[in-house]
Amino acid sequence: MSLTLPAGVALPVTASALVLTQQPGNGDNGGQGEDFGKSSPVGFLVLILFLIAVAFLVRSMTKHLKRVPASFDDPPAEEASADEPPAEAAAPAEPEKQQPNGASPAKSD
């Protein structure tokens, strides 16, 4: 089975294909002039500045990552209880007695 176009359609299709495949002849090369693809010294300087900035960012990120702990999990209960003082020592020796109505006790001298 071959694909054939009717005679009335073949001429416009062929003509439009020839028009679309032509290169522009009016001097417009689509932005590709004589200097297309060449970099200027200013562009090279900007590229060097970006590379230096990236180097400083990598250095800073490395310093910050070294400060991050290996794990964010809570420490085991054994280590946590050894670091804390006993509950008896943390409690005050004699708690103040409050009045039943919520007023603070009056000191008598």
PDB file of N, CA and C in Angstrom:
ATOM      1  N   MET A   1       0.841  -1.159   0.000  1.00  0.00           N
ATOM      2  CA  MET A   1       0.000   0.000   0.000  1.00  0.00           C
ATOM      3  C   MET A   1       0.893   1.231   0.000  1.00  0.00           C
ATOM      4  N   SER A   2       0.744   2.072  -0.930  1.00  0.00           N
ATOM      5  CA  SER A   2       1.545   3.278  -1.032  1.00  0.00           C
ATOM      6  C   SER A   2       0.646   4.494  -0.842  1.00  0.00           C
ATOM      7  N   LEU A   3       1.251   5.513  -0.329  1.00  0.00           N
ATOM      8  CA  LEU A   3       0.514   6.743  -0.061  1.00  0.00           C
ATOM      9  C   LEU A   3       0.694   7.668  -1.258  1.00  0.00           C
ATOM     10  N   THR A   4      -0.371   7.994  -1.901  1.00  0.00           N
ATOM     11  CA  THR A   4      -0.330   8.931  -3.028  1.00  0.00           C
ATOM     12  C   THR A   4      -1.325  10.046  -2.763  1.00  0.00           C
ATOM     13  N   LEU A   5      -0.918  11.228  -3.139  1.00  0.00           N
ATOM     14  CA  LEU A   5      -1.782  12.392  -2.975  1.00  0.00           C
ATOM     15  C   LEU A   5      -2.553  12.631  -4.265  1.00  0.00           C
ATOM     16  N   PRO A   6      -3.771  13.083  -4.152  1.00  0.00           N
ATOM     17  CA  PRO A   6      -4.502  13.443  -5.378  1.00  0.00           C
ATOM     18  C   PRO A   6      -3.803  14.599  -6.094  1.00  0.00           C
ATOM     19  N   ALA A   7      -3.996  14.727  -7.352  1.00  0.00           N
ATOM     20  CA  ALA A   7      -3.310  15.726  -8.169  1.00  0.00           C
ATOM     21  C   ALA A   7      -3.616  17.145  -7.710  1.00  0.00           C
ATOM     22  N   GLY A   8      -4.807  17.404  -7.218  1.00  0.00           N
ATOM     23  CA  GLY A   8      -5.182  18.742  -6.782  1.00  0.00           C
ATOM     24  C   GLY A   8      -4.495  19.147  -5.471  1.00  0.00           C
ATOM     25  N   VAL A   9      -4.035  18.191  -4.725  1.00  0.00           N
ATOM     26  CA  VAL A   9      -3.401  18.479  -3.445  1.00  0.00           C
ATOM     27  C   VAL A   9      -1.883  18.436  -3.569  1.00  0.00           C
ATOM     28  N   ALA A  10      -1.362  17.690  -4.505  1.00  0.00           N
ATOM     29  CA  ALA A  10       0.082  17.486  -4.624  1.00  0.00           C
ATOM     30  C   ALA A  10       0.826  18.785  -4.931  1.00  0.00           C
ATOM     31  N   LEU A  11       0.304  19.618  -5.815  1.00  0.00           N
ATOM     32  CA  LEU A  11       0.998  20.843  -6.187  1.00  0.00           C
ATOM     33  C   LEU A  11       1.099  21.829  -5.007  1.00  0.00           C
ATOM     34  N   PRO A  12       0.034  22.124  -4.269  1.00  0.00           N
ATOM     35  CA  PRO A  12       0.179  23.054  -3.135  1.00  0.00           C
ATOM     36  C   PRO A  12       1.079  22.498  -2.029  1.00  0.00           C
ATOM     37  N   VAL A  13       1.021  21.202  -1.796  1.00  0.00           N
ATOM     38  CA  VAL A  13       1.855  20.610  -0.756  1.00  0.00           C
ATOM     39  C   VAL A  13       3.321  20.705  -1.150  1.00  0.00           C
ATOM     40  N   THR A  14       3.635  20.420  -2.390  1.00  0.00           N
ATOM     41  CA  THR A  14       5.017  20.489  -2.862  1.00  0.00           C
ATOM     42  C   THR A  14       5.516  21.927  -2.858  1.00  0.00           C
ATOM     43  N   ALA A  15       4.703  22.857  -3.294  1.00  0.00           N
ATOM     44  CA  ALA A  15       5.097  24.263  -3.351  1.00  0.00           C
ATOM     45  C   ALA A  15       5.330  24.806  -1.936  1.00  0.00           C
ATOM     46  N   SER A  16       4.450  24.472  -1.002  1.00  0.00           N
ATOM     47  CA  SER A  16       4.634  24.969   0.351  1.00  0.00           C
ATOM     48  C   SER A  16       5.857  24.329   1.009  1.00  0.00           C
ATOM     49  N   ALA A  17       6.160  23.082   0.711  1.00  0.00           N
ATOM     50  CA  ALA A  17       7.349  22.437   1.258  1.00  0.00           C
ATOM     51  C   ALA A  17       8.609  23.127   0.742  1.00  0.00           C
ATOM     52  N   LEU A  18       8.633  23.529  -0.521  1.00  0.00           N
ATOM     53  CA  LEU A  18       9.792  24.218  -1.080  1.00  0.00           C
ATOM     54  C   LEU A  18       9.962  25.605  -0.461  1.00  0.00           C
ATOM     55  N   VAL A  19       8.869  26.295  -0.212  1.00  0.00           N
ATOM     56  CA  VAL A  19       8.938  27.633   0.377  1.00  0.00           C
ATOM     57  C   VAL A  19       9.419  27.545   1.824  1.00  0.00           C
ATOM     58  N   LEU A  20       8.937  26.573   2.566  1.00  0.00           N
ATOM     59  CA  LEU A  20       9.285  26.457   3.975  1.00  0.00           C
ATOM     60  C   LEU A  20      10.725  26.004   4.189  1.00  0.00           C
ATOM     61  N   THR A  21      11.305  25.275   3.243  1.00  0.00           N
ATOM     62  CA  THR A  21      12.661  24.773   3.434  1.00  0.00           C
ATOM     63  C   THR A  21      13.732  25.742   2.945  1.00  0.00           C
ATOM     64  N   GLN A  22      13.357  26.869   2.365  1.00  0.00           N
ATOM     65  CA  GLN A  22      14.343  27.821   1.865  1.00  0.00           C
ATOM     66  C   GLN A  22      14.986  28.595   3.017  1.00  0.00           C
ATOM     67  N   GLN A  23      16.251  28.947   2.823  1.00  0.00           N
ATOM     68  CA  GLN A  23      16.963  29.788   3.775  1.00  0.00           C
ATOM     69  C   GLN A  23      16.570  31.241   3.511  1.00  0.00           C
ATOM     70  N   PRO A  24      16.539  32.067   4.577  1.00  0.00           N
ATOM     71  CA  PRO A  24      16.206  33.471   4.342  1.00  0.00           C
ATOM     72  C   PRO A  24      17.284  34.131   3.487  1.00  0.00           C
ATOM     73  N   GLY A  25      16.863  34.873   2.518  1.00  0.00           N
ATOM     74  CA  GLY A  25      17.804  35.506   1.609  1.00  0.00           C
ATOM     75  C   GLY A  25      17.878  37.009   1.773  1.00  0.00           C
ATOM     76  N   ASN A  26      17.214  37.562   2.783  1.00  0.00           N
ATOM     77  CA  ASN A  26      17.194  39.009   2.922  1.00  0.00           C
ATOM     78  C   ASN A  26      18.294  39.516   3.856  1.00  0.00           C
ATOM     79  N   GLY A  27      19.278  38.716   4.162  1.00  0.00           N
ATOM     80  CA  GLY A  27      20.374  39.141   5.016  1.00  0.00           C
ATOM     81  C   GLY A  27      20.154  38.824   6.487  1.00  0.00           C
ATOM     82  N   ASP A  28      18.963  38.364   6.843  1.00  0.00           N
ATOM     83  CA  ASP A  28      18.693  38.013   8.239  1.00  0.00           C
ATOM     84  C   ASP A  28      19.059  36.545   8.442  1.00  0.00           C
ATOM     85  N   ASN A  29      20.074  36.313   9.214  1.00  0.00           N
ATOM     86  CA  ASN A  29      20.520  34.944   9.464  1.00  0.00           C
ATOM     87  C   ASN A  29      19.963  34.392  10.770  1.00  0.00           C
ATOM     88  N   GLY A  30      18.905  34.964  11.262  1.00  0.00           N
ATOM     89  CA  GLY A  30      18.297  34.473  12.484  1.00  0.00           C
ATOM     90  C   GLY A  30      19.137  34.749  13.708  1.00  0.00           C
ATOM     91  N   GLY A  31      19.846  35.878  13.731  1.00  0.00           N
ATOM     92  CA  GLY A  31      20.668  36.218  14.870  1.00  0.00           C
ATOM     93  C   GLY A  31      22.056  35.608  14.823  1.00  0.00           C
ATOM     94  N   GLN A  32      22.383  34.932  13.752  1.00  0.00           N
ATOM     95  CA  GLN A  32      23.697  34.300  13.631  1.00  0.00           C
ATOM     96  C   GLN A  32      24.570  35.134  12.698  1.00  0.00           C
ATOM     97  N   GLY A  33      25.040  36.233  13.257  1.00  0.00           N
ATOM     98  CA  GLY A  33      25.895  37.109  12.475  1.00  0.00           C
ATOM     99  C   GLY A  33      27.339  36.644  12.493  1.00  0.00           C
ATOM    100  N   GLU A  34      28.233  37.557  12.182  1.00  0.00           N
ATOM    101  CA  GLU A  34      29.659  37.245  12.096  1.00  0.00           C
ATOM    102  C   GLU A  34      30.239  36.839  13.449  1.00  0.00           C
ATOM    103  N   ASP A  35      29.754  37.449  14.516  1.00  0.00           N
ATOM    104  CA  ASP A  35      30.291  37.179  15.853  1.00  0.00           C
ATOM    105  C   ASP A  35      29.502  36.112  16.608  1.00  0.00           C
ATOM    106  N   PHE A  36      28.639  35.386  15.932  1.00  0.00           N
ATOM    107  CA  PHE A  36      27.823  34.377  16.608  1.00  0.00           C
ATOM    108  C   PHE A  36      28.702  33.250  17.157  1.00  0.00           C
ATOM    109  N   GLY A  37      28.509  32.932  18.431  1.00  0.00           N
ATOM    110  CA  GLY A  37      29.254  31.836  19.041  1.00  0.00           C
ATOM    111  C   GLY A  37      30.569  32.250  19.660  1.00  0.00           C
ATOM    112  N   LYS A  38      30.939  33.504  19.558  1.00  0.00           N
ATOM    113  CA  LYS A  38      32.186  33.982  20.144  1.00  0.00           C
ATOM    114  C   LYS A  38      31.857  34.722  21.438  1.00  0.00           C
ATOM    115  N   SER A  39      32.693  34.524  22.448  1.00  0.00           N
ATOM    116  CA  SER A  39      32.456  35.230  23.705  1.00  0.00           C
ATOM    117  C   SER A  39      33.369  36.447  23.784  1.00  0.00           C
ATOM    118  N   SER A  40      32.923  37.408  24.566  1.00  0.00           N
ATOM    119  CA  SER A  40      33.722  38.614  24.731  1.00  0.00           C
ATOM    120  C   SER A  40      34.503  38.523  26.036  1.00  0.00           C
ATOM    121  N   PRO A  41      35.483  39.375  26.235  1.00  0.00           N
ATOM    122  CA  PRO A  41      36.216  39.376  27.503  1.00  0.00           C
ATOM    123  C   PRO A  41      35.313  39.669  28.700  1.00  0.00           C
ATOM    124  N   VAL A  42      34.268  40.456  28.495  1.00  0.00           N
ATOM    125  CA  VAL A  42      33.332  40.750  29.584  1.00  0.00           C
ATOM    126  C   VAL A  42      32.591  39.478  29.988  1.00  0.00           C
ATOM    127  N   GLY A  43      32.186  38.706  29.026  1.00  0.00           N
ATOM    128  CA  GLY A  43      31.511  37.437  29.320  1.00  0.00           C
ATOM    129  C   GLY A  43      32.428  36.482  30.061  1.00  0.00           C
ATOM    130  N   PHE A  44      33.701  36.462  29.681  1.00  0.00           N
ATOM    131  CA  PHE A  44      34.672  35.606  30.363  1.00  0.00           C
ATOM    132  C   PHE A  44      34.868  36.060  31.807  1.00  0.00           C
ATOM    133  N   LEU A  45      34.901  37.369  32.038  1.00  0.00           N
ATOM    134  CA  LEU A  45      35.040  37.908  33.392  1.00  0.00           C
ATOM    135  C   LEU A  45      33.830  37.543  34.254  1.00  0.00           C
ATOM    136  N   VAL A  46      32.632  37.636  33.692  1.00  0.00           N
ATOM    137  CA  VAL A  46      31.419  37.260  34.423  1.00  0.00           C
ATOM    138  C   VAL A  46      31.457  35.771  34.768  1.00  0.00           C
ATOM    139  N   LEU A  47      31.902  34.944  33.857  1.00  0.00           N
ATOM    140  CA  LEU A  47      32.015  33.512  34.112  1.00  0.00           C
ATOM    141  C   LEU A  47      33.001  33.231  35.241  1.00  0.00           C
ATOM    142  N   ILE A  48      34.129  33.909  35.263  1.00  0.00           N
ATOM    143  CA  ILE A  48      35.121  33.730  36.329  1.00  0.00           C
ATOM    144  C   ILE A  48      34.536  34.180  37.669  1.00  0.00           C
ATOM    145  N   LEU A  49      33.808  35.306  37.682  1.00  0.00           N
ATOM    146  CA  LEU A  49      33.183  35.776  38.923  1.00  0.00           C
ATOM    147  C   LEU A  49      32.155  34.772  39.445  1.00  0.00           C
ATOM    148  N   PHE A  50      31.377  34.171  38.556  1.00  0.00           N
ATOM    149  CA  PHE A  50      30.413  33.147  38.974  1.00  0.00           C
ATOM    150  C   PHE A  50      31.127  31.930  39.556  1.00  0.00           C
ATOM    151  N   LEU A  51      32.225  31.521  38.964  1.00  0.00           N
ATOM    152  CA  LEU A  51      32.973  30.369  39.472  1.00  0.00           C
ATOM    153  C   LEU A  51      33.553  30.658  40.856  1.00  0.00           C
ATOM    154  N   ILE A  52      34.034  31.877  41.072  1.00  0.00           N
ATOM    155  CA  ILE A  52      34.557  32.252  42.394  1.00  0.00           C
ATOM    156  C   ILE A  52      33.426  32.258  43.420  1.00  0.00           C
ATOM    157  N   ALA A  53      32.258  32.789  43.041  1.00  0.00           N
ATOM    158  CA  ALA A  53      31.112  32.813  43.953  1.00  0.00           C
ATOM    159  C   ALA A  53      30.675  31.394  44.312  1.00  0.00           C
ATOM    160  N   VAL A  54      30.667  30.502  43.354  1.00  0.00           N
ATOM    161  CA  VAL A  54      30.297  29.113  43.625  1.00  0.00           C
ATOM    162  C   VAL A  54      31.302  28.467  44.565  1.00  0.00           C
ATOM    163  N   ALA A  55      32.583  28.756  44.388  1.00  0.00           N
ATOM    164  CA  ALA A  55      33.612  28.198  45.265  1.00  0.00           C
ATOM    165  C   ALA A  55      33.389  28.662  46.707  1.00  0.00           C
ATOM    166  N   PHE A  56      33.080  29.944  46.911  1.00  0.00           N
ATOM    167  CA  PHE A  56      32.814  30.436  48.258  1.00  0.00           C
ATOM    168  C   PHE A  56      31.541  29.813  48.847  1.00  0.00           C
ATOM    169  N   LEU A  57      30.522  29.629  48.027  1.00  0.00           N
ATOM    170  CA  LEU A  57      29.298  29.003  48.513  1.00  0.00           C
ATOM    171  C   LEU A  57      29.527  27.551  48.922  1.00  0.00           C
ATOM    172  N   VAL A  58      30.319  26.826  48.160  1.00  0.00           N
ATOM    173  CA  VAL A  58      30.628  25.435  48.500  1.00  0.00           C
ATOM    174  C   VAL A  58      31.419  25.384  49.802  1.00  0.00           C
ATOM    175  N   ARG A  59      32.355  26.290  49.960  1.00  0.00           N
ATOM    176  CA  ARG A  59      33.162  26.342  51.187  1.00  0.00           C
ATOM    177  C   ARG A  59      32.276  26.625  52.402  1.00  0.00           C
ATOM    178  N   SER A  60      31.361  27.583  52.272  1.00  0.00           N
ATOM    179  CA  SER A  60      30.466  27.915  53.362  1.00  0.00           C
ATOM    180  C   SER A  60      29.537  26.752  53.688  1.00  0.00           C
ATOM    181  N   MET A  61      29.016  26.103  52.656  1.00  0.00           N
ATOM    182  CA  MET A  61      28.121  24.970  52.873  1.00  0.00           C
ATOM    183  C   MET A  61      28.849  23.833  53.578  1.00  0.00           C
ATOM    184  N   THR A  62      30.105  23.603  53.236  1.00  0.00           N
ATOM    185  CA  THR A  62      30.885  22.554  53.872  1.00  0.00           C
ATOM    186  C   THR A  62      31.080  22.851  55.354  1.00  0.00           C
ATOM    187  N   LYS A  63      31.364  24.106  55.693  1.00  0.00           N
ATOM    188  CA  LYS A  63      31.516  24.483  57.097  1.00  0.00           C
ATOM    189  C   LYS A  63      30.224  24.253  57.862  1.00  0.00           C
ATOM    190  N   HIS A  64      29.096  24.630  57.281  1.00  0.00           N
ATOM    191  CA  HIS A  64      27.822  24.459  57.962  1.00  0.00           C
ATOM    192  C   HIS A  64      27.457  22.987  58.108  1.00  0.00           C
ATOM    193  N   LEU A  65      27.775  22.177  57.115  1.00  0.00           N
ATOM    194  CA  LEU A  65      27.447  20.759  57.195  1.00  0.00           C
ATOM    195  C   LEU A  65      28.297  20.036  58.224  1.00  0.00           C
ATOM    196  N   LYS A  66      29.502  20.525  58.491  1.00  0.00           N
ATOM    197  CA  LYS A  66      30.333  19.907  59.520  1.00  0.00           C
ATOM    198  C   LYS A  66      29.748  20.132  60.905  1.00  0.00           C
ATOM    199  N   ARG A  67      28.971  21.202  61.092  1.00  0.00           N
ATOM    200  CA  ARG A  67      28.375  21.510  62.389  1.00  0.00           C
ATOM    201  C   ARG A  67      27.092  20.724  62.646  1.00  0.00           C
ATOM    202  N   VAL A  68      26.534  20.102  61.634  1.00  0.00           N
ATOM    203  CA  VAL A  68      25.287  19.369  61.783  1.00  0.00           C
ATOM    204  C   VAL A  68      25.567  18.062  62.527  1.00  0.00           C
ATOM    205  N   PRO A  69      24.749  17.748  63.544  1.00  0.00           N
ATOM    206  CA  PRO A  69      24.984  16.498  64.266  1.00  0.00           C
ATOM    207  C   PRO A  69      24.712  15.289  63.378  1.00  0.00           C
ATOM    208  N   ALA A  70      25.304  14.161  63.753  1.00  0.00           N
ATOM    209  CA  ALA A  70      25.140  12.952  62.950  1.00  0.00           C
ATOM    210  C   ALA A  70      23.705  12.462  62.963  1.00  0.00           C
ATOM    211  N   SER A  71      23.018  12.695  64.080  1.00  0.00           N
ATOM    212  CA  SER A  71      21.642  12.236  64.203  1.00  0.00           C
ATOM    213  C   SER A  71      20.852  13.270  64.990  1.00  0.00           C
ATOM    214  N   PHE A  72      19.603  13.463  64.621  1.00  0.00           N
ATOM    215  CA  PHE A  72      18.735  14.381  65.333  1.00  0.00           C
ATOM    216  C   PHE A  72      17.837  13.646  66.320  1.00  0.00           C
ATOM    217  N   ASP A  73      18.062  12.345  66.496  1.00  0.00           N
ATOM    218  CA  ASP A  73      17.271  11.563  67.431  1.00  0.00           C
ATOM    219  C   ASP A  73      17.584  11.995  68.855  1.00  0.00           C
ATOM    220  N   ASP A  74      16.619  11.755  69.762  1.00  0.00           N
ATOM    221  CA  ASP A  74      16.836  12.056  71.170  1.00  0.00           C
ATOM    222  C   ASP A  74      17.889  11.100  71.726  1.00  0.00           C
ATOM    223  N   PRO A  75      18.678  11.562  72.688  1.00  0.00           N
ATOM    224  CA  PRO A  75      19.669  10.665  73.277  1.00  0.00           C
ATOM    225  C   PRO A  75      18.966   9.560  74.060  1.00  0.00           C
ATOM    226  N   PRO A  76      19.602   8.421  74.228  1.00  0.00           N
ATOM    227  CA  PRO A  76      18.981   7.339  74.993  1.00  0.00           C
ATOM    228  C   PRO A  76      18.688   7.784  76.425  1.00  0.00           C
ATOM    229  N   ALA A  77      17.755   7.102  77.092  1.00  0.00           N
ATOM    230  CA  ALA A  77      17.308   7.489  78.426  1.00  0.00           C
ATOM    231  C   ALA A  77      18.437   7.387  79.447  1.00  0.00           C
ATOM    232  N   GLU A  78      19.351   6.459  79.293  1.00  0.00           N
ATOM    233  CA  GLU A  78      20.448   6.278  80.242  1.00  0.00           C
ATOM    234  C   GLU A  78      21.337   7.522  80.284  1.00  0.00           C
ATOM    235  N   GLU A  79      21.705   8.021  79.130  1.00  0.00           N
ATOM    236  CA  GLU A  79      22.575   9.195  79.073  1.00  0.00           C
ATOM    237  C   GLU A  79      21.839  10.434  79.573  1.00  0.00           C
ATOM    238  N   ALA A  80      20.558  10.560  79.258  1.00  0.00           N
ATOM    239  CA  ALA A  80      19.785  11.723  79.663  1.00  0.00           C
ATOM    240  C   ALA A  80      19.626  11.756  81.176  1.00  0.00           C
ATOM    241  N   SER A  81      19.412  10.604  81.806  1.00  0.00           N
ATOM    242  CA  SER A  81      19.223  10.591  83.258  1.00  0.00           C
ATOM    243  C   SER A  81      20.542  10.827  83.983  1.00  0.00           C
ATOM    244  N   ALA A  82      21.661  10.437  83.427  1.00  0.00           N
ATOM    245  CA  ALA A  82      22.954  10.655  84.062  1.00  0.00           C
ATOM    246  C   ALA A  82      23.326  12.135  84.035  1.00  0.00           C
ATOM    247  N   ASP A  83      22.899  12.853  83.017  1.00  0.00           N
ATOM    248  CA  ASP A  83      23.237  14.267  82.900  1.00  0.00           C
ATOM    249  C   ASP A  83      22.380  15.140  83.813  1.00  0.00           C
ATOM    250  N   GLU A  84      21.158  14.717  84.131  1.00  0.00           N
ATOM    251  CA  GLU A  84      20.242  15.523  84.928  1.00  0.00           C
ATOM    252  C   GLU A  84      20.531  15.320  86.410  1.00  0.00           C
ATOM    253  N   PRO A  85      20.399  16.367  87.236  1.00  0.00           N
ATOM    254  CA  PRO A  85      20.555  16.191  88.684  1.00  0.00           C
ATOM    255  C   PRO A  85      19.365  15.432  89.237  1.00  0.00           C
ATOM    256  N   PRO A  86      19.497  14.811  90.383  1.00  0.00           N
ATOM    257  CA  PRO A  86      18.368  14.079  90.962  1.00  0.00           C
ATOM    258  C   PRO A  86      17.200  15.014  91.229  1.00  0.00           C
ATOM    259  N   ALA A  87      16.006  14.475  91.202  1.00  0.00           N
ATOM    260  CA  ALA A  87      14.803  15.281  91.372  1.00  0.00           C
ATOM    261  C   ALA A  87      14.718  15.856  92.781  1.00  0.00           C
ATOM    262  N   GLU A  88      15.261  15.174  93.783  1.00  0.00           N
ATOM    263  CA  GLU A  88      15.196  15.651  95.160  1.00  0.00           C
ATOM    264  C   GLU A  88      16.002  16.945  95.335  1.00  0.00           C
ATOM    265  N   ALA A  89      17.162  17.015  94.712  1.00  0.00           N
ATOM    266  CA  ALA A  89      18.008  18.199  94.851  1.00  0.00           C
ATOM    267  C   ALA A  89      17.400  19.395  94.122  1.00  0.00           C
ATOM    268  N   ALA A  90      16.638  19.159  93.069  1.00  0.00           N
ATOM    269  CA  ALA A  90      16.060  20.237  92.289  1.00  0.00           C
ATOM    270  C   ALA A  90      14.848  20.843  92.977  1.00  0.00           C
ATOM    271  N   ALA A  91      14.177  20.098  93.856  1.00  0.00           N
ATOM    272  CA  ALA A  91      12.981  20.602  94.526  1.00  0.00           C
ATOM    273  C   ALA A  91      13.388  21.564  95.637  1.00  0.00           C
ATOM    274  N   PRO A  92      12.584  22.616  95.898  1.00  0.00           N
ATOM    275  CA  PRO A  92      12.913  23.539  96.990  1.00  0.00           C
ATOM    276  C   PRO A  92      12.784  22.827  98.329  1.00  0.00           C
ATOM    277  N   ALA A  93      13.530  23.308  99.317  1.00  0.00           N
ATOM    278  CA  ALA A  93      13.566  22.654 100.621  1.00  0.00           C
ATOM    279  C   ALA A  93      12.206  22.684 101.298  1.00  0.00           C
ATOM    280  N   GLU A  94      11.539  23.840 101.282  1.00  0.00           N
ATOM    281  CA  GLU A  94      10.237  23.943 101.951  1.00  0.00           C
ATOM    282  C   GLU A  94       9.312  24.778 101.083  1.00  0.00           C
ATOM    283  N   PRO A  95       8.303  24.191 100.471  1.00  0.00           N
ATOM    284  CA  PRO A  95       7.407  24.989  99.627  1.00  0.00           C
ATOM    285  C   PRO A  95       6.578  25.939 100.480  1.00  0.00           C
ATOM    286  N   GLU A  96       6.262  27.078  99.890  1.00  0.00           N
ATOM    287  CA  GLU A  96       5.465  28.068 100.607  1.00  0.00           C
ATOM    288  C   GLU A  96       4.033  27.587 100.713  1.00  0.00           C
ATOM    289  N   LYS A  97       3.434  27.845 101.857  1.00  0.00           N
ATOM    290  CA  LYS A  97       2.044  27.455 102.068  1.00  0.00           C
ATOM    291  C   LYS A  97       1.164  28.607 101.615  1.00  0.00           C
ATOM    292  N   GLN A  98       0.132  28.267 100.854  1.00  0.00           N
ATOM    293  CA  GLN A  98      -0.777  29.295 100.369  1.00  0.00           C
ATOM    294  C   GLN A  98      -2.056  29.280 101.177  1.00  0.00           C
ATOM    295  N   GLN A  99      -2.660  30.435 101.263  1.00  0.00           N
ATOM    296  CA  GLN A  99      -3.941  30.569 101.940  1.00  0.00           C
ATOM    297  C   GLN A  99      -5.014  29.869 101.109  1.00  0.00           C
ATOM    298  N   PRO A 100      -6.078  29.398 101.713  1.00  0.00           N
ATOM    299  CA  PRO A 100      -7.151  28.731 100.971  1.00  0.00           C
ATOM    300  C   PRO A 100      -7.806  29.641  99.941  1.00  0.00           C
ATOM    301  N   ASN A 101      -7.844  30.940 100.147  1.00  0.00           N
ATOM    302  CA  ASN A 101      -8.495  31.842  99.198  1.00  0.00           C
ATOM    303  C   ASN A 101      -7.569  32.273  98.074  1.00  0.00           C
ATOM    304  N   GLY A 102      -6.317  31.775  98.055  1.00  0.00           N
ATOM    305  CA  GLY A 102      -5.383  32.078  96.979  1.00  0.00           C
ATOM    306  C   GLY A 102      -4.493  33.238  97.276  1.00  0.00           C
ATOM    307  N   ALA A 103      -4.664  33.902  98.427  1.00  0.00           N
ATOM    308  CA  ALA A 103      -3.824  35.039  98.777  1.00  0.00           C
ATOM    309  C   ALA A 103      -2.489  34.521  99.281  1.00  0.00           C
ATOM    310  N   SER A 104      -1.453  35.327  99.154  1.00  0.00           N
ATOM    311  CA  SER A 104      -0.132  34.909  99.626  1.00  0.00           C
ATOM    312  C   SER A 104      -0.081  35.061 101.139  1.00  0.00           C
ATOM    313  N   PRO A 105       0.697  34.222 101.796  1.00  0.00           N
ATOM    314  CA  PRO A 105       0.739  34.287 103.261  1.00  0.00           C
ATOM    315  C   PRO A 105       1.420  35.557 103.711  1.00  0.00           C
ATOM    316  N   ALA A 106       0.927  36.115 104.800  1.00  0.00           N
ATOM    317  CA  ALA A 106       1.511  37.340 105.372  1.00  0.00           C
ATOM    318  C   ALA A 106       2.616  36.934 106.335  1.00  0.00           C
ATOM    319  N   LYS A 107       3.749  37.606 106.217  1.00  0.00           N
ATOM    320  CA  LYS A 107       4.871  37.307 107.099  1.00  0.00           C
ATOM    321  C   LYS A 107       4.719  38.111 108.396  1.00  0.00           C
ATOM    322  N   SER A 108       4.965  37.452 109.460  1.00  0.00           N
ATOM    323  CA  SER A 108       4.893  38.164 110.759  1.00  0.00           C
ATOM    324  C   SER A 108       6.290  38.372 111.272  1.00  0.00           C
ATOM    325  N   ASP A 109       6.581  39.591 111.629  1.00  0.00           N
ATOM    326  CA  ASP A 109       7.919  39.904 112.149  1.00  0.00           C
ATOM    327  C   ASP A 109       7.852  40.263 113.582  1.00  0.00           C
TER     328      ASP A 109
END
